[in-house]
Amino acid sequence: MEKQNATLSLPKALLREAKILSVERETSLSQLLVEALEELVRRRREYERARKRHSAMLRKGVDLGTGGQVQVRREELHERRPNLR
């Protein structure tokens, strides 16, 4: 994979913690940042795929087994029943 340098400006406290984390994980700060960015990009791609999949499902619709026929009258759905206590 071809690489390209990037200059970052980070808060000192964050940089200090990131360096400690990279030492604990026995990796370079650069590799730690690569892994974090790859994870963010992966999540974004997965979200986009899921969004497209669900949008397609909504456009297609879901078979409710009614054959497109309403089985219940509106009045029946909204009829009030006495409170049974």
C-alpha atoms as a PDB file:
ATOM      1  CA  MET A   1       0.000   0.000   0.000  1.00  0.00           C
ATOM      2  CA  GLU A   2       1.357   3.377  -0.967  1.00  0.00           C
ATOM      3  CA  LYS A   3       1.785   5.740   1.960  1.00  0.00           C
ATOM      4  CA  GLN A   4       1.706   9.487   2.274  1.00  0.00           C
ATOM      5  CA  ASN A   5       2.825  11.612   5.203  1.00  0.00           C
ATOM      6  CA  ALA A   6       0.336  13.810   7.035  1.00  0.00           C
ATOM      7  CA  THR A   7       1.018  16.481   9.603  1.00  0.00           C
ATOM      8  CA  LEU A   8      -1.245  16.502  12.630  1.00  0.00           C
ATOM      9  CA  SER A   9      -1.698  19.081  15.308  1.00  0.00           C
ATOM     10  CA  LEU A  10      -2.820  17.385  18.518  1.00  0.00           C
ATOM     11  CA  PRO A  11      -3.402  18.633  22.033  1.00  0.00           C
ATOM     12  CA  LYS A  12      -0.323  17.855  24.156  1.00  0.00           C
ATOM     13  CA  ALA A  13      -2.242  15.821  26.722  1.00  0.00           C
ATOM     14  CA  LEU A  14      -3.821  13.676  24.017  1.00  0.00           C
ATOM     15  CA  LEU A  15      -0.474  13.112  22.326  1.00  0.00           C
ATOM     16  CA  ARG A  16       1.087  12.101  25.652  1.00  0.00           C
ATOM     17  CA  GLU A  17      -1.692   9.566  26.332  1.00  0.00           C
ATOM     18  CA  ALA A  18      -1.531   8.243  22.771  1.00  0.00           C
ATOM     19  CA  LYS A  19       2.224   7.681  23.087  1.00  0.00           C
ATOM     20  CA  ILE A  20       1.693   5.769  26.333  1.00  0.00           C
ATOM     21  CA  LEU A  21      -1.013   3.689  24.668  1.00  0.00           C
ATOM     22  CA  SER A  22       1.226   2.873  21.719  1.00  0.00           C
ATOM     23  CA  VAL A  23       4.006   1.728  24.076  1.00  0.00           C
ATOM     24  CA  GLU A  24       1.534  -0.440  26.014  1.00  0.00           C
ATOM     25  CA  ARG A  25       0.382  -2.025  22.751  1.00  0.00           C
ATOM     26  CA  GLU A  26       3.960  -2.405  21.549  1.00  0.00           C
ATOM     27  CA  THR A  27       3.312  -0.493  18.353  1.00  0.00           C
ATOM     28  CA  SER A  28       4.230   2.865  16.890  1.00  0.00           C
ATOM     29  CA  LEU A  29       2.113   5.956  17.299  1.00  0.00           C
ATOM     30  CA  SER A  30       1.755   6.012  13.533  1.00  0.00           C
ATOM     31  CA  GLN A  31       0.419   2.431  13.481  1.00  0.00           C
ATOM     32  CA  LEU A  32      -1.939   3.205  16.357  1.00  0.00           C
ATOM     33  CA  LEU A  33      -3.398   6.112  14.373  1.00  0.00           C
ATOM     34  CA  VAL A  34      -3.650   4.000  11.214  1.00  0.00           C
ATOM     35  CA  GLU A  35      -5.618   1.331  13.101  1.00  0.00           C
ATOM     36  CA  ALA A  36      -7.948   3.903  14.682  1.00  0.00           C
ATOM     37  CA  LEU A  37      -8.644   5.570  11.327  1.00  0.00           C
ATOM     38  CA  GLU A  38      -9.162   2.224   9.598  1.00  0.00           C
ATOM     39  CA  GLU A  39     -11.741   1.314  12.251  1.00  0.00           C
ATOM     40  CA  LEU A  40     -13.606   4.610  11.743  1.00  0.00           C
ATOM     41  CA  VAL A  41     -13.641   4.118   7.966  1.00  0.00           C
ATOM     42  CA  ARG A  42     -14.774   0.479   8.341  1.00  0.00           C
ATOM     43  CA  ARG A  43     -17.670   1.506  10.600  1.00  0.00           C
ATOM     44  CA  ARG A  44     -18.738   4.225   8.181  1.00  0.00           C
ATOM     45  CA  ARG A  45     -18.725   1.778   5.264  1.00  0.00           C
ATOM     46  CA  GLU A  46     -20.696  -0.826   7.238  1.00  0.00           C
ATOM     47  CA  TYR A  47     -23.225   1.807   8.286  1.00  0.00           C
ATOM     48  CA  GLU A  48     -23.647   2.948   4.692  1.00  0.00           C
ATOM     49  CA  ARG A  49     -24.150  -0.642   3.473  1.00  0.00           C
ATOM     50  CA  ALA A  50     -26.726  -1.285   6.213  1.00  0.00           C
ATOM     51  CA  ARG A  51     -28.522   1.989   5.411  1.00  0.00           C
ATOM     52  CA  LYS A  52     -28.751   1.062   1.726  1.00  0.00           C
ATOM     53  CA  ARG A  53     -29.929  -2.465   2.567  1.00  0.00           C
ATOM     54  CA  HIS A  54     -32.660  -1.187   4.879  1.00  0.00           C
ATOM     55  CA  SER A  55     -33.740   1.524   2.441  1.00  0.00           C
ATOM     56  CA  ALA A  56     -34.156  -1.169  -0.224  1.00  0.00           C
ATOM     57  CA  MET A  57     -36.235  -3.266   2.198  1.00  0.00           C
ATOM     58  CA  LEU A  58     -38.482  -0.279   2.937  1.00  0.00           C
ATOM     59  CA  ARG A  59     -38.970   0.430  -0.778  1.00  0.00           C
ATOM     60  CA  LYS A  60     -39.778  -3.225  -1.476  1.00  0.00           C
ATOM     61  CA  GLY A  61     -42.064  -3.603   1.523  1.00  0.00           C
ATOM     62  CA  VAL A  62     -42.685  -6.573   3.772  1.00  0.00           C
ATOM     63  CA  ASP A  63     -45.124  -9.398   3.110  1.00  0.00           C
ATOM     64  CA  LEU A  64     -47.475  -9.468   6.090  1.00  0.00           C
ATOM     65  CA  GLY A  65     -49.316 -12.501   4.787  1.00  0.00           C
ATOM     66  CA  THR A  66     -52.541 -10.601   4.089  1.00  0.00           C
ATOM     67  CA  GLY A  67     -52.337 -10.784   0.314  1.00  0.00           C
ATOM     68  CA  GLY A  68     -52.779  -7.031   0.264  1.00  0.00           C
ATOM     69  CA  GLN A  69     -56.248  -7.264   1.803  1.00  0.00           C
ATOM     70  CA  VAL A  70     -57.202  -5.483   5.008  1.00  0.00           C
ATOM     71  CA  GLN A  71     -58.654  -8.072   7.381  1.00  0.00           C
ATOM     72  CA  VAL A  72     -59.913  -5.735  10.125  1.00  0.00           C
ATOM     73  CA  ARG A  73     -62.116  -2.664   9.983  1.00  0.00           C
ATOM     74  CA  ARG A  74     -60.703   0.574  11.320  1.00  0.00           C
ATOM     75  CA  GLU A  75     -63.497   0.790  13.887  1.00  0.00           C
ATOM     76  CA  GLU A  76     -62.544  -2.606  15.294  1.00  0.00           C
ATOM     77  CA  LEU A  77     -58.940  -1.499  15.770  1.00  0.00           C
ATOM     78  CA  HIS A  78     -59.996   1.591  17.701  1.00  0.00           C
ATOM     79  CA  GLU A  79     -62.959   0.285  19.651  1.00  0.00           C
ATOM     80  CA  ARG A  80     -62.815   1.033  23.359  1.00  0.00           C
ATOM     81  CA  ARG A  81     -63.055  -1.810  25.806  1.00  0.00           C
ATOM     82  CA  PRO A  82     -64.056  -1.458  29.434  1.00  0.00           C
ATOM     83  CA  ASN A  83     -61.240  -1.417  31.948  1.00  0.00           C
ATOM     84  CA  LEU A  84     -61.146  -4.916  33.510  1.00  0.00           C
ATOM     85  CA  ARG A  85     -59.891  -4.637  37.047  1.00  0.00           C
END
